[in-house]
Amino acid sequence: MRYTKIIVTSVVALILALVSAAVGGAAPVIVVVAMSVVIGLGWSLAVGVPARYRHNVIILISGILAALLSWLHPEQRFVWLPAIVGVALIATFIAELVRGEGAKHRLESTISSVVAVLAVVSSSGWIALSQSLHASGQSPLTAVLISGLVSFVVIGVIGARLVASAPQEGPKRGIASLAVTPVALLGPAVLFTSHWVGIVVA
């Protein structure tokens, strides 16, 4: 039942991301910030990070900063986003170091938090997709539909594989973050797909 909720939530998140990209304006920013909030607050619970509050703050701030900077300064996107990831990576290491020597699951906590940071920062790709489509002056419908189809297939294949290999009893808390994370990570891939579609259609 939990895995069904994850699949449904993931599909809903993908639809919201695609619709917001087509609408443009502040819509994709709102959706991306919402993704960051869901992942930031739920990821540590879902994967069992011991020092979850520290990691929650790091993940949440990284996602919101990436979204705002991508929206307000799109021409400097490739300057700010790697910097955010780098600072978040250092902050994650520090968050585990302050737990003291001998603390359990430090490596696992670090790796899982880095994955979440990459996800929330990658979600800014949906903002870039929207800006790129609307800046071209063409109708974004075709690119959004094809990108959405590709994303749906990718999420479906990966999700089916994960569900098949996952334990029968999944996590009890933070499952929404597990559903949103693949959609967030697909942001850059969808942007690339839309550019490819634009070249083919043109």
N, C-alpha and C. Protein backbone atom coordinates (compact mmCIF):
# COMPACT_ATOMS: atom_id res chain seq x y z
N MET A 1 0.83 -1.21 0.00
CA MET A 1 0.00 0.00 0.00
C MET A 1 0.86 1.26 0.00
N ARG A 2 1.97 1.21 0.77
CA ARG A 2 2.84 2.38 0.82
C ARG A 2 3.46 2.65 -0.54
N TYR A 3 3.84 1.59 -1.24
CA TYR A 3 4.45 1.78 -2.55
C TYR A 3 3.44 2.32 -3.56
N THR A 4 2.20 1.96 -3.41
CA THR A 4 1.16 2.54 -4.26
C THR A 4 1.06 4.04 -4.04
N LYS A 5 1.14 4.46 -2.79
CA LYS A 5 1.11 5.89 -2.48
C LYS A 5 2.30 6.60 -3.09
N ILE A 6 3.46 5.96 -3.04
CA ILE A 6 4.66 6.56 -3.62
C ILE A 6 4.49 6.75 -5.12
N ILE A 7 3.97 5.74 -5.80
CA ILE A 7 3.79 5.83 -7.25
C ILE A 7 2.79 6.92 -7.61
N VAL A 8 1.66 6.96 -6.92
CA VAL A 8 0.64 7.97 -7.20
C VAL A 8 1.18 9.37 -6.93
N THR A 9 1.88 9.54 -5.82
CA THR A 9 2.45 10.85 -5.49
C THR A 9 3.48 11.28 -6.52
N SER A 10 4.27 10.34 -7.00
CA SER A 10 5.28 10.65 -8.01
C SER A 10 4.64 11.11 -9.31
N VAL A 11 3.58 10.45 -9.72
CA VAL A 11 2.88 10.84 -10.95
C VAL A 11 2.26 12.23 -10.79
N VAL A 12 1.66 12.49 -9.64
CA VAL A 12 1.07 13.81 -9.38
C VAL A 12 2.14 14.89 -9.41
N ALA A 13 3.30 14.62 -8.80
CA ALA A 13 4.39 15.58 -8.79
C ALA A 13 4.89 15.86 -10.21
N LEU A 14 4.98 14.81 -11.02
CA LEU A 14 5.42 14.99 -12.41
C LEU A 14 4.42 15.84 -13.19
N ILE A 15 3.15 15.58 -13.02
CA ILE A 15 2.12 16.36 -13.72
C ILE A 15 2.18 17.82 -13.31
N LEU A 16 2.32 18.08 -12.01
CA LEU A 16 2.41 19.46 -11.53
C LEU A 16 3.64 20.16 -12.10
N ALA A 17 4.76 19.45 -12.16
CA ALA A 17 5.98 20.04 -12.70
C ALA A 17 5.82 20.39 -14.18
N LEU A 18 5.21 19.50 -14.94
CA LEU A 18 5.01 19.74 -16.38
C LEU A 18 4.03 20.88 -16.62
N VAL A 19 2.93 20.88 -15.88
CA VAL A 19 1.94 21.95 -16.04
C VAL A 19 2.53 23.30 -15.67
N SER A 20 3.29 23.35 -14.58
CA SER A 20 3.89 24.61 -14.16
C SER A 20 4.90 25.11 -15.19
N ALA A 21 5.64 24.19 -15.81
CA ALA A 21 6.58 24.58 -16.85
C ALA A 21 5.86 25.17 -18.05
N ALA A 22 4.71 24.61 -18.39
CA ALA A 22 3.93 25.13 -19.51
C ALA A 22 3.30 26.48 -19.19
N VAL A 23 2.85 26.65 -17.94
CA VAL A 23 2.22 27.91 -17.53
C VAL A 23 3.25 29.03 -17.47
N GLY A 24 4.41 28.74 -16.91
CA GLY A 24 5.47 29.73 -16.82
C GLY A 24 5.29 30.69 -15.66
N GLY A 25 6.07 31.76 -15.68
CA GLY A 25 6.01 32.74 -14.61
C GLY A 25 6.53 32.17 -13.30
N ALA A 26 5.80 32.44 -12.24
CA ALA A 26 6.21 31.97 -10.91
C ALA A 26 5.74 30.55 -10.62
N ALA A 27 4.92 29.98 -11.51
CA ALA A 27 4.36 28.64 -11.26
C ALA A 27 5.43 27.58 -11.04
N PRO A 28 6.45 27.47 -11.93
CA PRO A 28 7.46 26.43 -11.69
C PRO A 28 8.28 26.69 -10.43
N VAL A 29 8.45 27.95 -10.06
CA VAL A 29 9.19 28.27 -8.84
C VAL A 29 8.44 27.74 -7.62
N ILE A 30 7.13 27.95 -7.62
CA ILE A 30 6.30 27.46 -6.51
C ILE A 30 6.37 25.94 -6.41
N VAL A 31 6.29 25.27 -7.55
CA VAL A 31 6.33 23.81 -7.55
C VAL A 31 7.69 23.30 -7.09
N VAL A 32 8.76 23.93 -7.57
CA VAL A 32 10.11 23.50 -7.20
C VAL A 32 10.37 23.74 -5.71
N VAL A 33 9.93 24.88 -5.20
CA VAL A 33 10.08 25.14 -3.76
C VAL A 33 9.29 24.11 -2.96
N ALA A 34 8.10 23.77 -3.45
CA ALA A 34 7.30 22.75 -2.77
C ALA A 34 8.02 21.40 -2.77
N MET A 35 8.65 21.05 -3.89
CA MET A 35 9.45 19.82 -3.94
C MET A 35 10.56 19.85 -2.90
N SER A 36 11.23 21.00 -2.81
CA SER A 36 12.34 21.13 -1.86
C SER A 36 11.85 20.98 -0.42
N VAL A 37 10.68 21.52 -0.14
CA VAL A 37 10.12 21.42 1.21
C VAL A 37 9.78 19.96 1.53
N VAL A 38 9.15 19.28 0.58
CA VAL A 38 8.77 17.88 0.80
C VAL A 38 10.01 17.01 1.02
N ILE A 39 11.01 17.19 0.15
CA ILE A 39 12.24 16.40 0.28
C ILE A 39 13.01 16.80 1.53
N GLY A 40 13.10 18.11 1.77
CA GLY A 40 13.86 18.60 2.91
C GLY A 40 13.32 18.11 4.24
N LEU A 41 12.01 18.06 4.37
CA LEU A 41 11.40 17.67 5.63
C LEU A 41 11.21 16.16 5.77
N GLY A 42 11.11 15.46 4.63
CA GLY A 42 10.78 14.04 4.71
C GLY A 42 11.89 13.06 4.42
N TRP A 43 12.93 13.51 3.71
CA TRP A 43 13.97 12.59 3.27
C TRP A 43 14.68 11.91 4.44
N SER A 44 15.07 12.70 5.43
CA SER A 44 15.80 12.14 6.57
C SER A 44 14.96 11.12 7.33
N LEU A 45 13.66 11.37 7.41
CA LEU A 45 12.77 10.41 8.06
C LEU A 45 12.66 9.12 7.26
N ALA A 46 12.57 9.26 5.94
CA ALA A 46 12.37 8.09 5.08
C ALA A 46 13.59 7.17 5.06
N VAL A 47 14.79 7.76 5.04
CA VAL A 47 16.00 6.94 4.93
C VAL A 47 16.64 6.66 6.29
N GLY A 48 16.12 7.28 7.34
CA GLY A 48 16.60 6.99 8.69
C GLY A 48 17.89 7.68 9.07
N VAL A 49 18.07 8.94 8.66
CA VAL A 49 19.26 9.70 9.05
C VAL A 49 19.16 10.06 10.53
N PRO A 50 20.16 9.72 11.35
CA PRO A 50 20.07 9.99 12.79
C PRO A 50 19.97 11.48 13.13
N ALA A 51 20.89 12.29 12.59
CA ALA A 51 20.89 13.73 12.89
C ALA A 51 20.04 14.45 11.85
N ARG A 52 18.75 14.12 11.84
CA ARG A 52 17.92 14.55 10.72
C ARG A 52 17.66 16.05 10.68
N TYR A 53 17.61 16.72 11.82
CA TYR A 53 17.27 18.14 11.81
C TYR A 53 18.34 18.97 11.12
N ARG A 54 19.60 18.65 11.36
CA ARG A 54 20.69 19.36 10.69
C ARG A 54 20.61 19.15 9.19
N HIS A 55 20.42 17.90 8.81
CA HIS A 55 20.37 17.59 7.38
C HIS A 55 19.11 18.17 6.73
N ASN A 56 18.02 18.20 7.45
CA ASN A 56 16.80 18.81 6.91
C ASN A 56 17.04 20.27 6.53
N VAL A 57 17.71 21.00 7.41
CA VAL A 57 17.99 22.42 7.16
C VAL A 57 18.88 22.58 5.94
N ILE A 58 19.92 21.75 5.83
CA ILE A 58 20.84 21.84 4.70
C ILE A 58 20.11 21.57 3.39
N ILE A 59 19.32 20.52 3.36
CA ILE A 59 18.59 20.16 2.14
C ILE A 59 17.58 21.24 1.77
N LEU A 60 16.85 21.71 2.76
CA LEU A 60 15.80 22.70 2.52
C LEU A 60 16.37 24.01 1.99
N ILE A 61 17.41 24.52 2.63
CA ILE A 61 18.02 25.78 2.21
C ILE A 61 18.62 25.63 0.81
N SER A 62 19.26 24.51 0.54
CA SER A 62 19.86 24.29 -0.78
C SER A 62 18.82 24.35 -1.89
N GLY A 63 17.69 23.69 -1.68
CA GLY A 63 16.64 23.67 -2.70
C GLY A 63 16.01 25.02 -2.92
N ILE A 64 15.70 25.74 -1.84
CA ILE A 64 15.05 27.04 -1.98
C ILE A 64 16.00 28.05 -2.61
N LEU A 65 17.26 28.06 -2.19
CA LEU A 65 18.24 28.97 -2.79
C LEU A 65 18.42 28.69 -4.28
N ALA A 66 18.53 27.42 -4.63
CA ALA A 66 18.70 27.05 -6.04
C ALA A 66 17.51 27.51 -6.87
N ALA A 67 16.31 27.34 -6.34
CA ALA A 67 15.11 27.75 -7.07
C ALA A 67 15.06 29.26 -7.27
N LEU A 68 15.32 30.01 -6.21
CA LEU A 68 15.24 31.47 -6.30
C LEU A 68 16.32 32.03 -7.21
N LEU A 69 17.54 31.52 -7.10
CA LEU A 69 18.62 32.03 -7.94
C LEU A 69 18.42 31.65 -9.40
N SER A 70 17.89 30.46 -9.65
CA SER A 70 17.60 30.06 -11.04
C SER A 70 16.52 30.94 -11.65
N TRP A 71 15.58 31.36 -10.85
CA TRP A 71 14.49 32.21 -11.33
C TRP A 71 14.93 33.66 -11.51
N LEU A 72 15.65 34.18 -10.53
CA LEU A 72 16.02 35.60 -10.55
C LEU A 72 17.25 35.88 -11.40
N HIS A 73 18.16 34.93 -11.49
CA HIS A 73 19.40 35.13 -12.25
C HIS A 73 19.66 33.94 -13.17
N PRO A 74 18.81 33.75 -14.16
CA PRO A 74 18.95 32.57 -15.03
C PRO A 74 20.26 32.54 -15.81
N GLU A 75 20.81 33.72 -16.12
CA GLU A 75 22.06 33.75 -16.89
C GLU A 75 23.25 33.28 -16.05
N GLN A 76 23.11 33.28 -14.73
CA GLN A 76 24.20 32.84 -13.85
C GLN A 76 23.89 31.51 -13.17
N ARG A 77 22.98 30.77 -13.76
CA ARG A 77 22.53 29.52 -13.16
C ARG A 77 23.69 28.54 -12.96
N PHE A 78 24.56 28.44 -13.97
CA PHE A 78 25.66 27.48 -13.89
C PHE A 78 26.79 27.96 -12.99
N VAL A 79 26.68 29.17 -12.50
CA VAL A 79 27.63 29.67 -11.51
C VAL A 79 27.15 29.35 -10.10
N TRP A 80 25.86 29.61 -9.87
CA TRP A 80 25.33 29.48 -8.51
C TRP A 80 25.03 28.05 -8.10
N LEU A 81 24.47 27.26 -8.99
CA LEU A 81 24.04 25.92 -8.60
C LEU A 81 25.20 25.01 -8.17
N PRO A 82 26.32 24.98 -8.90
CA PRO A 82 27.45 24.18 -8.40
C PRO A 82 27.98 24.70 -7.07
N ALA A 83 27.94 26.02 -6.88
CA ALA A 83 28.39 26.59 -5.61
C ALA A 83 27.49 26.14 -4.47
N ILE A 84 26.19 26.11 -4.72
CA ILE A 84 25.25 25.66 -3.68
C ILE A 84 25.51 24.20 -3.32
N VAL A 85 25.73 23.37 -4.33
CA VAL A 85 26.01 21.96 -4.07
C VAL A 85 27.30 21.81 -3.27
N GLY A 86 28.33 22.58 -3.64
CA GLY A 86 29.60 22.49 -2.93
C GLY A 86 29.49 22.89 -1.47
N VAL A 87 28.82 24.01 -1.21
CA VAL A 87 28.65 24.47 0.17
C VAL A 87 27.80 23.48 0.96
N ALA A 88 26.75 22.95 0.33
CA ALA A 88 25.90 21.97 1.01
C ALA A 88 26.67 20.69 1.34
N LEU A 89 27.57 20.31 0.44
CA LEU A 89 28.39 19.12 0.68
C LEU A 89 29.28 19.31 1.90
N ILE A 90 29.91 20.48 1.99
CA ILE A 90 30.76 20.78 3.15
C ILE A 90 29.91 20.82 4.42
N ALA A 91 28.74 21.45 4.33
CA ALA A 91 27.86 21.53 5.50
C ALA A 91 27.41 20.14 5.96
N THR A 92 27.20 19.24 5.00
CA THR A 92 26.82 17.86 5.34
C THR A 92 27.94 17.15 6.08
N PHE A 93 29.17 17.33 5.60
CA PHE A 93 30.31 16.74 6.30
C PHE A 93 30.42 17.27 7.72
N ILE A 94 30.26 18.58 7.87
CA ILE A 94 30.36 19.19 9.20
C ILE A 94 29.25 18.67 10.11
N ALA A 95 28.04 18.54 9.54
CA ALA A 95 26.91 18.05 10.34
C ALA A 95 27.18 16.66 10.91
N GLU A 96 27.93 15.85 10.18
CA GLU A 96 28.27 14.52 10.68
C GLU A 96 29.49 14.54 11.59
N LEU A 97 30.42 15.45 11.33
CA LEU A 97 31.61 15.53 12.18
C LEU A 97 31.27 15.94 13.60
N VAL A 98 30.32 16.86 13.74
CA VAL A 98 29.97 17.36 15.08
C VAL A 98 29.24 16.29 15.90
N ARG A 99 28.82 15.22 15.28
CA ARG A 99 28.21 14.12 16.04
C ARG A 99 29.24 13.39 16.89
N GLY A 100 30.50 13.56 16.55
CA GLY A 100 31.55 12.96 17.36
C GLY A 100 32.04 11.64 16.80
N GLU A 101 33.24 11.29 17.22
CA GLU A 101 33.85 10.04 16.76
C GLU A 101 33.07 8.85 17.32
N GLY A 102 32.86 7.88 16.46
CA GLY A 102 32.15 6.68 16.87
C GLY A 102 30.66 6.72 16.65
N ALA A 103 30.14 7.85 16.15
CA ALA A 103 28.70 7.94 15.88
C ALA A 103 28.33 6.94 14.78
N LYS A 104 27.16 6.37 14.90
CA LYS A 104 26.73 5.33 13.96
C LYS A 104 26.17 5.93 12.67
N HIS A 105 26.38 5.20 11.59
CA HIS A 105 25.79 5.50 10.27
C HIS A 105 26.18 6.88 9.74
N ARG A 106 27.40 7.30 10.01
CA ARG A 106 27.84 8.60 9.52
C ARG A 106 27.99 8.59 8.00
N LEU A 107 28.59 7.53 7.46
CA LEU A 107 28.78 7.45 6.01
C LEU A 107 27.44 7.37 5.29
N GLU A 108 26.54 6.53 5.79
CA GLU A 108 25.23 6.39 5.16
C GLU A 108 24.45 7.69 5.21
N SER A 109 24.54 8.39 6.33
CA SER A 109 23.83 9.66 6.46
C SER A 109 24.38 10.70 5.49
N THR A 110 25.71 10.72 5.35
CA THR A 110 26.33 11.68 4.43
C THR A 110 25.91 11.42 2.99
N ILE A 111 25.99 10.16 2.58
CA ILE A 111 25.65 9.81 1.20
C ILE A 111 24.18 10.11 0.90
N SER A 112 23.30 9.73 1.80
CA SER A 112 21.87 9.95 1.56
C SER A 112 21.53 11.43 1.53
N SER A 113 22.18 12.23 2.37
CA SER A 113 21.91 13.67 2.37
C SER A 113 22.44 14.33 1.10
N VAL A 114 23.58 13.87 0.62
CA VAL A 114 24.12 14.41 -0.63
C VAL A 114 23.17 14.11 -1.79
N VAL A 115 22.60 12.91 -1.81
CA VAL A 115 21.62 12.57 -2.85
C VAL A 115 20.43 13.52 -2.79
N ALA A 116 19.96 13.81 -1.59
CA ALA A 116 18.82 14.72 -1.44
C ALA A 116 19.18 16.13 -1.89
N VAL A 117 20.39 16.58 -1.57
CA VAL A 117 20.83 17.91 -2.02
C VAL A 117 20.88 17.97 -3.54
N LEU A 118 21.43 16.95 -4.16
CA LEU A 118 21.47 16.91 -5.63
C LEU A 118 20.07 16.92 -6.22
N ALA A 119 19.14 16.26 -5.54
CA ALA A 119 17.76 16.23 -6.03
C ALA A 119 17.11 17.60 -5.98
N VAL A 120 17.22 18.28 -4.83
CA VAL A 120 16.54 19.58 -4.71
C VAL A 120 17.19 20.63 -5.61
N VAL A 121 18.50 20.55 -5.79
CA VAL A 121 19.16 21.50 -6.69
C VAL A 121 18.81 21.18 -8.14
N SER A 122 18.76 19.90 -8.47
CA SER A 122 18.38 19.49 -9.84
C SER A 122 16.96 19.88 -10.18
N SER A 123 16.10 19.99 -9.18
CA SER A 123 14.71 20.37 -9.44
C SER A 123 14.60 21.74 -10.09
N SER A 124 15.64 22.56 -9.95
CA SER A 124 15.64 23.87 -10.62
C SER A 124 15.65 23.74 -12.13
N GLY A 125 15.96 22.54 -12.62
CA GLY A 125 15.88 22.31 -14.06
C GLY A 125 14.49 22.52 -14.61
N TRP A 126 13.47 22.32 -13.78
CA TRP A 126 12.09 22.58 -14.21
C TRP A 126 11.86 24.07 -14.42
N ILE A 127 12.51 24.91 -13.61
CA ILE A 127 12.42 26.36 -13.81
C ILE A 127 13.13 26.74 -15.10
N ALA A 128 14.31 26.16 -15.31
CA ALA A 128 15.05 26.42 -16.54
C ALA A 128 14.27 25.97 -17.76
N LEU A 129 13.58 24.84 -17.65
CA LEU A 129 12.75 24.35 -18.76
C LEU A 129 11.68 25.36 -19.11
N SER A 130 10.98 25.85 -18.11
CA SER A 130 9.91 26.82 -18.35
C SER A 130 10.45 28.10 -18.98
N GLN A 131 11.55 28.61 -18.45
CA GLN A 131 12.12 29.85 -18.98
C GLN A 131 12.59 29.66 -20.41
N SER A 132 13.18 28.51 -20.69
CA SER A 132 13.68 28.24 -22.04
C SER A 132 12.54 28.13 -23.05
N LEU A 133 11.48 27.44 -22.66
CA LEU A 133 10.35 27.26 -23.58
C LEU A 133 9.65 28.58 -23.88
N HIS A 134 9.46 29.40 -22.86
CA HIS A 134 8.75 30.66 -23.07
C HIS A 134 9.64 31.71 -23.73
N ALA A 135 10.95 31.62 -23.55
CA ALA A 135 11.87 32.56 -24.19
C ALA A 135 11.96 32.31 -25.69
N SER A 136 11.70 31.07 -26.11
CA SER A 136 11.78 30.74 -27.54
C SER A 136 10.64 31.35 -28.34
N GLY A 137 9.57 31.75 -27.66
CA GLY A 137 8.43 32.35 -28.34
C GLY A 137 7.50 31.35 -28.99
N GLN A 138 7.79 30.07 -28.84
CA GLN A 138 6.94 29.03 -29.43
C GLN A 138 6.05 28.42 -28.36
N SER A 139 5.02 27.74 -28.82
CA SER A 139 4.12 27.07 -27.88
C SER A 139 4.87 25.96 -27.16
N PRO A 140 4.84 25.95 -25.82
CA PRO A 140 5.58 24.92 -25.08
C PRO A 140 4.88 23.57 -25.04
N LEU A 141 3.69 23.49 -25.63
CA LEU A 141 2.87 22.29 -25.45
C LEU A 141 3.56 21.04 -25.97
N THR A 142 4.10 21.10 -27.20
CA THR A 142 4.72 19.92 -27.79
C THR A 142 5.90 19.44 -26.98
N ALA A 143 6.79 20.37 -26.64
CA ALA A 143 7.97 20.00 -25.87
C ALA A 143 7.60 19.45 -24.50
N VAL A 144 6.61 20.05 -23.87
CA VAL A 144 6.19 19.60 -22.54
C VAL A 144 5.59 18.20 -22.62
N LEU A 145 4.77 17.96 -23.64
CA LEU A 145 4.14 16.65 -23.77
C LEU A 145 5.16 15.55 -24.01
N ILE A 146 6.10 15.80 -24.93
CA ILE A 146 7.11 14.78 -25.23
C ILE A 146 8.05 14.58 -24.04
N SER A 147 8.47 15.70 -23.42
CA SER A 147 9.32 15.60 -22.23
C SER A 147 8.61 14.87 -21.11
N GLY A 148 7.31 15.15 -20.98
CA GLY A 148 6.53 14.46 -19.95
C GLY A 148 6.43 12.98 -20.20
N LEU A 149 6.26 12.59 -21.48
CA LEU A 149 6.18 11.17 -21.82
C LEU A 149 7.49 10.46 -21.50
N VAL A 150 8.61 11.09 -21.88
CA VAL A 150 9.92 10.51 -21.58
C VAL A 150 10.12 10.38 -20.07
N SER A 151 9.75 11.44 -19.34
CA SER A 151 9.90 11.43 -17.88
C SER A 151 9.04 10.34 -17.25
N PHE A 152 7.83 10.20 -17.76
CA PHE A 152 6.91 9.18 -17.22
C PHE A 152 7.49 7.79 -17.42
N VAL A 153 8.06 7.54 -18.60
CA VAL A 153 8.65 6.23 -18.87
C VAL A 153 9.84 5.97 -17.96
N VAL A 154 10.71 6.99 -17.82
CA VAL A 154 11.90 6.84 -16.97
C VAL A 154 11.50 6.56 -15.52
N ILE A 155 10.59 7.38 -15.00
CA ILE A 155 10.15 7.20 -13.62
C ILE A 155 9.45 5.85 -13.45
N GLY A 156 8.68 5.46 -14.46
CA GLY A 156 7.99 4.17 -14.38
C GLY A 156 8.95 3.00 -14.33
N VAL A 157 9.97 3.03 -15.19
CA VAL A 157 10.95 1.93 -15.23
C VAL A 157 11.74 1.88 -13.93
N ILE A 158 12.26 3.05 -13.51
CA ILE A 158 13.05 3.09 -12.28
C ILE A 158 12.19 2.73 -11.07
N GLY A 159 10.98 3.29 -11.04
CA GLY A 159 10.09 3.02 -9.91
C GLY A 159 9.72 1.55 -9.81
N ALA A 160 9.42 0.94 -10.94
CA ALA A 160 9.06 -0.48 -10.93
C ALA A 160 10.22 -1.34 -10.43
N ARG A 161 11.42 -0.97 -10.85
CA ARG A 161 12.61 -1.72 -10.41
C ARG A 161 12.83 -1.56 -8.91
N LEU A 162 12.68 -0.34 -8.41
CA LEU A 162 12.88 -0.09 -6.99
C LEU A 162 11.83 -0.80 -6.14
N VAL A 163 10.58 -0.74 -6.59
CA VAL A 163 9.51 -1.40 -5.84
C VAL A 163 9.73 -2.91 -5.81
N ALA A 164 10.18 -3.46 -6.94
CA ALA A 164 10.40 -4.91 -7.01
C ALA A 164 11.52 -5.37 -6.09
N SER A 165 12.55 -4.52 -5.92
CA SER A 165 13.69 -4.92 -5.11
C SER A 165 13.60 -4.43 -3.67
N ALA A 166 12.59 -3.62 -3.36
CA ALA A 166 12.46 -3.05 -2.02
C ALA A 166 11.87 -4.07 -1.05
N PRO A 167 12.12 -3.88 0.24
CA PRO A 167 11.49 -4.77 1.23
C PRO A 167 9.98 -4.63 1.23
N GLN A 168 9.31 -5.67 1.67
CA GLN A 168 7.85 -5.68 1.63
C GLN A 168 7.25 -4.55 2.45
N GLU A 169 7.85 -4.28 3.60
CA GLU A 169 7.39 -3.18 4.43
C GLU A 169 8.29 -1.98 4.20
N GLY A 170 7.77 -0.97 3.54
CA GLY A 170 8.56 0.22 3.26
C GLY A 170 8.59 1.16 4.44
N PRO A 171 9.20 2.34 4.27
CA PRO A 171 9.26 3.32 5.35
C PRO A 171 7.88 3.81 5.76
N LYS A 172 7.72 4.11 7.02
CA LYS A 172 6.43 4.57 7.52
C LYS A 172 6.29 6.08 7.44
N ARG A 173 7.42 6.79 7.48
CA ARG A 173 7.37 8.25 7.49
C ARG A 173 8.20 8.80 6.34
N GLY A 174 7.79 9.95 5.85
CA GLY A 174 8.55 10.62 4.80
C GLY A 174 8.45 10.00 3.43
N ILE A 175 7.41 9.18 3.19
CA ILE A 175 7.33 8.48 1.91
C ILE A 175 7.09 9.44 0.75
N ALA A 176 6.48 10.60 1.02
CA ALA A 176 6.26 11.56 -0.06
C ALA A 176 7.57 12.05 -0.65
N SER A 177 8.59 12.15 0.19
CA SER A 177 9.90 12.60 -0.31
C SER A 177 10.50 11.59 -1.27
N LEU A 178 10.26 10.31 -1.03
CA LEU A 178 10.75 9.27 -1.94
C LEU A 178 10.05 9.35 -3.29
N ALA A 179 8.81 9.82 -3.30
CA ALA A 179 8.06 9.95 -4.54
C ALA A 179 8.47 11.17 -5.34
N VAL A 180 8.78 12.26 -4.63
CA VAL A 180 9.10 13.52 -5.30
C VAL A 180 10.55 13.54 -5.81
N THR A 181 11.44 12.82 -5.13
CA THR A 181 12.86 12.87 -5.48
C THR A 181 13.16 12.50 -6.93
N PRO A 182 12.60 11.43 -7.51
CA PRO A 182 12.88 11.14 -8.93
C PRO A 182 12.44 12.26 -9.86
N VAL A 183 11.32 12.89 -9.57
CA VAL A 183 10.84 14.00 -10.40
C VAL A 183 11.79 15.18 -10.30
N ALA A 184 12.28 15.45 -9.10
CA ALA A 184 13.23 16.54 -8.91
C ALA A 184 14.54 16.26 -9.65
N LEU A 185 15.03 15.05 -9.55
CA LEU A 185 16.28 14.69 -10.21
C LEU A 185 16.19 14.75 -11.73
N LEU A 186 14.98 14.59 -12.27
CA LEU A 186 14.81 14.59 -13.72
C LEU A 186 14.80 15.99 -14.32
N GLY A 187 14.86 17.02 -13.49
CA GLY A 187 14.81 18.39 -14.01
C GLY A 187 15.78 18.67 -15.14
N PRO A 188 17.09 18.44 -14.95
CA PRO A 188 18.05 18.68 -16.04
C PRO A 188 17.81 17.80 -17.25
N ALA A 189 17.42 16.54 -17.04
CA ALA A 189 17.18 15.63 -18.16
C ALA A 189 16.00 16.10 -19.01
N VAL A 190 14.96 16.59 -18.35
CA VAL A 190 13.80 17.09 -19.09
C VAL A 190 14.17 18.34 -19.87
N LEU A 191 15.01 19.19 -19.29
CA LEU A 191 15.48 20.38 -20.00
C LEU A 191 16.23 19.98 -21.26
N PHE A 192 17.12 19.00 -21.17
CA PHE A 192 17.86 18.51 -22.34
C PHE A 192 16.90 17.93 -23.38
N THR A 193 15.93 17.15 -22.92
CA THR A 193 14.96 16.55 -23.84
C THR A 193 14.17 17.61 -24.59
N SER A 194 13.78 18.67 -23.89
CA SER A 194 13.00 19.73 -24.54
C SER A 194 13.81 20.44 -25.61
N HIS A 195 15.11 20.65 -25.35
CA HIS A 195 15.97 21.27 -26.36
C HIS A 195 16.09 20.37 -27.58
N TRP A 196 16.22 19.08 -27.36
CA TRP A 196 16.31 18.13 -28.46
C TRP A 196 15.02 18.12 -29.27
N VAL A 197 13.90 18.15 -28.57
CA VAL A 197 12.60 18.20 -29.26
C VAL A 197 12.48 19.47 -30.08
N GLY A 198 12.94 20.59 -29.51
CA GLY A 198 12.87 21.86 -30.23
C GLY A 198 13.68 21.83 -31.51
N ILE A 199 14.86 21.19 -31.47
CA ILE A 199 15.70 21.09 -32.66
C ILE A 199 15.03 20.22 -33.72
N VAL A 200 14.46 19.10 -33.29
CA VAL A 200 13.81 18.18 -34.23
C VAL A 200 12.59 18.82 -34.87
N VAL A 201 11.75 19.46 -34.02
CA VAL A 201 10.53 20.08 -34.54
C VAL A 201 10.85 21.23 -35.48
N ALA A 202 11.89 22.00 -35.12
CA ALA A 202 12.27 23.13 -35.96
C ALA A 202 12.79 22.64 -37.30
